[in-house]
């Protein structure tokens, strides 16, 4: 279920409820101003850290290695058998 964007006044009025919701539901809240340069998104800290980790893994090429291994092999690879220095 997609949420309707909120205006800043409504977001400010409901801020603590929104904090609870984004943490419980892991769904972002879009805050949209009449002035388009003032738009924002509210997400949980856990979700933000997850996004940052994914971006880091993508940037460093680790996700490419994971994708390669998924395509090259249908067999299970034990995490202890991975040469992490190669990554």
N, C-alpha and C. Protein backbone atom coordinates (compact mmCIF):
# COMPACT_ATOMS: atom_id res chain seq x y z
N UNK A 1 0.84 -1.18 0.00
CA UNK A 1 0.00 0.00 0.00
C UNK A 1 0.88 1.24 0.00
N UNK A 2 0.73 2.08 -1.00
CA UNK A 2 1.55 3.27 -1.14
C UNK A 2 0.97 4.41 -0.32
N UNK A 3 1.84 5.12 0.36
CA UNK A 3 1.39 6.24 1.18
C UNK A 3 1.27 7.50 0.33
N UNK A 4 0.33 8.35 0.71
CA UNK A 4 0.19 9.65 0.08
C UNK A 4 1.24 10.58 0.67
N UNK A 5 1.92 11.35 -0.16
CA UNK A 5 2.90 12.29 0.37
C UNK A 5 2.25 13.27 1.35
N UNK A 6 3.01 13.70 2.35
CA UNK A 6 2.52 14.65 3.35
C UNK A 6 3.15 16.01 3.11
N UNK A 7 2.45 17.04 3.51
CA UNK A 7 3.07 18.36 3.47
C UNK A 7 3.85 18.55 4.77
N UNK A 8 4.80 19.48 4.80
CA UNK A 8 5.64 19.66 5.98
C UNK A 8 4.86 19.97 7.26
N UNK A 9 3.80 20.74 7.16
CA UNK A 9 3.01 21.08 8.36
C UNK A 9 2.39 19.84 8.97
N UNK A 10 1.83 18.99 8.14
CA UNK A 10 1.23 17.74 8.62
C UNK A 10 2.30 16.82 9.19
N UNK A 11 3.44 16.75 8.54
CA UNK A 11 4.55 15.91 9.03
C UNK A 11 5.04 16.41 10.39
N UNK A 12 5.15 17.71 10.54
CA UNK A 12 5.60 18.28 11.81
C UNK A 12 4.60 17.97 12.92
N UNK A 13 3.31 18.10 12.61
CA UNK A 13 2.26 17.84 13.59
C UNK A 13 2.24 16.38 14.03
N UNK A 14 2.60 15.47 13.12
CA UNK A 14 2.54 14.03 13.38
C UNK A 14 3.92 13.39 13.48
N UNK A 15 4.94 14.17 13.79
CA UNK A 15 6.32 13.71 13.71
C UNK A 15 6.60 12.44 14.52
N UNK A 16 6.18 12.41 15.77
CA UNK A 16 6.49 11.25 16.62
C UNK A 16 5.75 10.01 16.14
N UNK A 17 4.54 10.16 15.67
CA UNK A 17 3.80 9.03 15.10
C UNK A 17 4.50 8.53 13.84
N UNK A 18 4.98 9.45 13.01
CA UNK A 18 5.69 9.08 11.79
C UNK A 18 6.99 8.34 12.12
N UNK A 19 7.72 8.82 13.15
CA UNK A 19 8.94 8.12 13.56
C UNK A 19 8.64 6.68 13.93
N UNK A 20 7.58 6.49 14.68
CA UNK A 20 7.20 5.13 15.09
C UNK A 20 6.82 4.29 13.87
N UNK A 21 6.05 4.86 12.97
CA UNK A 21 5.60 4.12 11.78
C UNK A 21 6.75 3.70 10.88
N UNK A 22 7.68 4.61 10.59
CA UNK A 22 8.77 4.23 9.68
C UNK A 22 9.66 3.16 10.28
N UNK A 23 9.75 3.13 11.60
CA UNK A 23 10.55 2.10 12.27
C UNK A 23 9.82 0.77 12.34
N UNK A 24 8.52 0.79 12.54
CA UNK A 24 7.75 -0.45 12.64
C UNK A 24 7.46 -1.06 11.27
N UNK A 25 7.12 -0.21 10.30
CA UNK A 25 6.66 -0.70 9.00
C UNK A 25 7.75 -0.72 7.93
N UNK A 26 8.86 -0.07 8.19
CA UNK A 26 9.95 0.03 7.21
C UNK A 26 9.44 0.59 5.88
N UNK A 27 8.54 1.57 5.99
CA UNK A 27 8.03 2.26 4.80
C UNK A 27 8.36 3.72 4.94
N UNK A 28 8.87 4.28 3.86
CA UNK A 28 9.25 5.68 3.89
C UNK A 28 8.03 6.59 3.90
N UNK A 29 8.23 7.81 4.39
CA UNK A 29 7.21 8.84 4.34
C UNK A 29 7.77 9.98 3.50
N UNK A 30 7.07 10.30 2.43
CA UNK A 30 7.49 11.38 1.56
C UNK A 30 6.89 12.68 2.07
N UNK A 31 7.73 13.69 2.23
CA UNK A 31 7.28 14.99 2.68
C UNK A 31 7.51 15.96 1.53
N UNK A 32 6.40 16.48 1.01
CA UNK A 32 6.44 17.27 -0.21
C UNK A 32 5.94 18.68 0.07
N UNK A 33 6.77 19.63 -0.26
CA UNK A 33 6.45 21.04 -0.09
C UNK A 33 5.93 21.61 -1.39
N UNK A 34 5.24 22.71 -1.30
CA UNK A 34 4.80 23.39 -2.51
C UNK A 34 6.01 23.84 -3.33
N UNK A 35 7.09 24.13 -2.62
CA UNK A 35 8.34 24.50 -3.28
C UNK A 35 9.15 23.22 -3.47
N UNK A 36 9.26 22.77 -4.69
CA UNK A 36 9.84 21.45 -4.96
C UNK A 36 11.26 21.26 -4.45
N UNK A 37 11.99 22.32 -4.20
CA UNK A 37 13.36 22.16 -3.71
C UNK A 37 13.41 21.81 -2.23
N UNK A 38 12.26 21.76 -1.57
CA UNK A 38 12.23 21.46 -0.14
C UNK A 38 11.61 20.11 0.18
N UNK A 39 11.64 19.18 -0.74
CA UNK A 39 11.08 17.86 -0.51
C UNK A 39 12.07 16.96 0.24
N UNK A 40 11.51 15.97 0.95
CA UNK A 40 12.37 15.06 1.72
C UNK A 40 11.67 13.72 1.89
N UNK A 41 12.44 12.75 2.42
CA UNK A 41 11.90 11.43 2.73
C UNK A 41 12.34 11.08 4.14
N UNK A 42 11.41 10.56 4.93
CA UNK A 42 11.71 10.12 6.29
C UNK A 42 11.75 8.60 6.29
N UNK A 43 12.90 8.05 6.73
CA UNK A 43 13.04 6.59 6.83
C UNK A 43 13.68 6.27 8.18
N UNK A 44 13.60 5.01 8.56
CA UNK A 44 14.20 4.59 9.83
C UNK A 44 15.72 4.58 9.70
N UNK A 45 16.40 4.70 10.83
CA UNK A 45 17.86 4.65 10.84
C UNK A 45 18.34 3.28 10.36
N UNK A 46 17.64 2.23 10.76
CA UNK A 46 18.02 0.87 10.31
C UNK A 46 17.96 0.76 8.79
N UNK A 47 16.90 1.29 8.20
CA UNK A 47 16.77 1.24 6.74
C UNK A 47 17.84 2.09 6.07
N UNK A 48 18.13 3.26 6.63
CA UNK A 48 19.16 4.13 6.08
C UNK A 48 20.52 3.43 6.09
N UNK A 49 20.84 2.79 7.20
CA UNK A 49 22.13 2.07 7.29
C UNK A 49 22.19 0.92 6.29
N UNK A 50 21.08 0.26 6.10
CA UNK A 50 21.01 -0.84 5.13
C UNK A 50 21.26 -0.31 3.71
N UNK A 51 20.66 0.80 3.39
CA UNK A 51 20.87 1.42 2.07
C UNK A 51 22.33 1.80 1.90
N UNK A 52 22.92 2.40 2.93
CA UNK A 52 24.32 2.81 2.86
C UNK A 52 25.24 1.60 2.68
N UNK A 53 24.94 0.51 3.37
CA UNK A 53 25.75 -0.70 3.24
C UNK A 53 25.65 -1.27 1.83
N UNK A 54 24.44 -1.29 1.29
CA UNK A 54 24.24 -1.80 -0.07
C UNK A 54 25.00 -0.94 -1.07
N UNK A 55 24.93 0.38 -0.92
CA UNK A 55 25.66 1.27 -1.82
C UNK A 55 27.17 1.05 -1.71
N UNK A 56 27.66 0.84 -0.50
CA UNK A 56 29.09 0.58 -0.31
C UNK A 56 29.50 -0.73 -0.99
N UNK A 57 28.70 -1.77 -0.79
CA UNK A 57 29.02 -3.06 -1.40
C UNK A 57 28.97 -2.97 -2.93
N UNK A 58 28.05 -2.19 -3.44
CA UNK A 58 27.96 -1.99 -4.89
C UNK A 58 29.19 -1.21 -5.38
N UNK A 59 29.54 -0.16 -4.67
CA UNK A 59 30.66 0.69 -5.05
C UNK A 59 31.99 -0.06 -5.04
N UNK A 60 32.17 -0.96 -4.09
CA UNK A 60 33.44 -1.67 -3.96
C UNK A 60 33.51 -2.92 -4.83
N UNK A 61 32.42 -3.28 -5.49
CA UNK A 61 32.42 -4.43 -6.39
C UNK A 61 32.06 -5.75 -5.73
N UNK A 62 31.79 -5.74 -4.44
CA UNK A 62 31.47 -6.98 -3.74
C UNK A 62 30.16 -7.57 -4.28
N UNK A 63 29.17 -6.73 -4.56
CA UNK A 63 27.90 -7.25 -5.07
C UNK A 63 28.08 -7.89 -6.45
N UNK A 64 29.01 -7.37 -7.25
CA UNK A 64 29.28 -7.99 -8.54
C UNK A 64 29.80 -9.41 -8.36
N UNK A 65 30.69 -9.58 -7.37
CA UNK A 65 31.22 -10.93 -7.08
C UNK A 65 30.11 -11.87 -6.62
N UNK A 66 29.23 -11.36 -5.78
CA UNK A 66 28.11 -12.18 -5.30
C UNK A 66 27.23 -12.59 -6.47
N UNK A 67 26.93 -11.65 -7.34
CA UNK A 67 26.10 -11.95 -8.52
C UNK A 67 26.78 -12.99 -9.42
N UNK A 68 28.09 -12.85 -9.62
CA UNK A 68 28.83 -13.81 -10.43
C UNK A 68 28.73 -15.21 -9.85
N UNK A 69 28.91 -15.32 -8.55
CA UNK A 69 28.86 -16.63 -7.90
C UNK A 69 27.46 -17.24 -7.99
N UNK A 70 26.44 -16.40 -7.90
CA UNK A 70 25.07 -16.89 -8.01
C UNK A 70 24.81 -17.43 -9.41
N UNK A 71 25.34 -16.77 -10.43
CA UNK A 71 25.13 -17.20 -11.81
C UNK A 71 25.98 -18.40 -12.19
N UNK A 72 27.21 -18.45 -11.67
CA UNK A 72 28.15 -19.50 -12.03
C UNK A 72 27.87 -20.83 -11.37
N UNK A 73 27.17 -20.80 -10.27
CA UNK A 73 27.03 -22.04 -9.51
C UNK A 73 25.65 -22.15 -8.89
N UNK A 74 25.10 -23.33 -9.01
CA UNK A 74 23.83 -23.58 -8.35
C UNK A 74 24.07 -24.33 -7.03
N UNK A 75 25.33 -24.62 -6.76
CA UNK A 75 25.64 -25.35 -5.54
C UNK A 75 25.93 -24.39 -4.39
N UNK A 76 25.81 -24.87 -3.20
CA UNK A 76 26.05 -24.10 -1.99
C UNK A 76 27.54 -23.86 -1.81
N UNK A 77 27.90 -22.63 -1.46
CA UNK A 77 29.29 -22.30 -1.16
C UNK A 77 29.35 -21.90 0.29
N UNK A 78 30.16 -22.59 1.06
CA UNK A 78 30.32 -22.28 2.47
C UNK A 78 31.06 -20.95 2.62
N UNK A 79 30.58 -20.11 3.51
CA UNK A 79 31.18 -18.80 3.70
C UNK A 79 32.66 -18.92 4.08
N UNK A 80 33.05 -19.99 4.74
CA UNK A 80 34.45 -20.18 5.12
C UNK A 80 35.34 -20.49 3.91
N UNK A 81 34.73 -20.90 2.80
CA UNK A 81 35.50 -21.22 1.60
C UNK A 81 35.74 -20.02 0.69
N UNK A 82 35.16 -18.89 1.01
CA UNK A 82 35.32 -17.69 0.17
C UNK A 82 36.64 -17.03 0.49
N UNK A 83 37.38 -16.68 -0.56
CA UNK A 83 38.64 -15.95 -0.39
C UNK A 83 38.31 -14.46 -0.35
N UNK A 84 38.14 -13.94 0.87
CA UNK A 84 37.71 -12.55 1.05
C UNK A 84 38.79 -11.56 0.61
N UNK A 85 40.04 -11.98 0.61
CA UNK A 85 41.13 -11.11 0.16
C UNK A 85 41.02 -10.85 -1.35
N UNK A 86 40.46 -11.80 -2.07
CA UNK A 86 40.31 -11.68 -3.54
C UNK A 86 39.29 -10.61 -3.88
N UNK A 87 38.32 -10.39 -2.99
CA UNK A 87 37.28 -9.42 -3.25
C UNK A 87 37.85 -8.04 -3.12
